[in-house]
């Protein structure tokens, strides 16, 4: 199993973006931190 670092950013509290470092164009967005992380894992 591989592991990757994820950068979690907030857009002034409006939404969140989780970027998987080291994988181009691999990210997730959501209204909550949990939703952004869940989308990034897909």
Protein backbone atom coordinates (compact mmCIF):
# COMPACT_ATOMS: atom_id res chain seq x y z
CA UNK A 1 0.00 0.00 0.00
CA UNK A 2 1.33 3.45 -0.91
CA UNK A 3 0.99 6.56 1.18
CA UNK A 4 0.79 10.14 -0.04
CA UNK A 5 0.77 13.55 1.61
CA UNK A 6 -2.34 15.69 1.19
CA UNK A 7 -2.40 19.48 1.29
CA UNK A 8 -5.72 20.75 2.66
CA UNK A 9 -6.64 24.36 1.83
CA UNK A 10 -9.64 26.53 2.67
CA UNK A 11 -11.04 29.19 0.35
CA UNK A 12 -11.92 31.75 3.05
CA UNK A 13 -14.23 29.25 4.72
CA UNK A 14 -16.41 28.75 1.63
CA UNK A 15 -15.06 25.39 0.49
CA UNK A 16 -12.06 23.11 0.86
CA UNK A 17 -9.56 21.63 -1.59
CA UNK A 18 -7.45 18.55 -0.84
CA UNK A 19 -4.47 18.15 -3.18
CA UNK A 20 -2.54 14.87 -3.29
CA UNK A 21 1.10 15.90 -3.43
CA UNK A 22 3.17 14.10 -6.05
CA UNK A 23 0.20 13.15 -8.24
CA UNK A 24 -0.58 15.70 -10.97
CA UNK A 25 -4.25 16.71 -11.26
CA UNK A 26 -5.22 14.59 -8.25
CA UNK A 27 -7.41 16.60 -5.89
CA UNK A 28 -10.83 16.75 -4.30
CA UNK A 29 -13.11 19.63 -3.39
CA UNK A 30 -15.99 19.86 -0.97
CA UNK A 31 -18.02 22.00 1.39
CA UNK A 32 -16.26 20.41 4.39
CA UNK A 33 -12.76 19.14 5.07
CA UNK A 34 -14.10 15.60 5.28
CA UNK A 35 -15.86 15.87 1.90
CA UNK A 36 -12.72 17.23 0.20
CA UNK A 37 -10.62 14.41 1.63
CA UNK A 38 -13.19 11.79 0.61
CA UNK A 39 -13.22 13.11 -2.97
CA UNK A 40 -9.41 13.12 -3.12
CA UNK A 41 -9.33 9.46 -2.05
CA UNK A 42 -11.56 8.42 -4.95
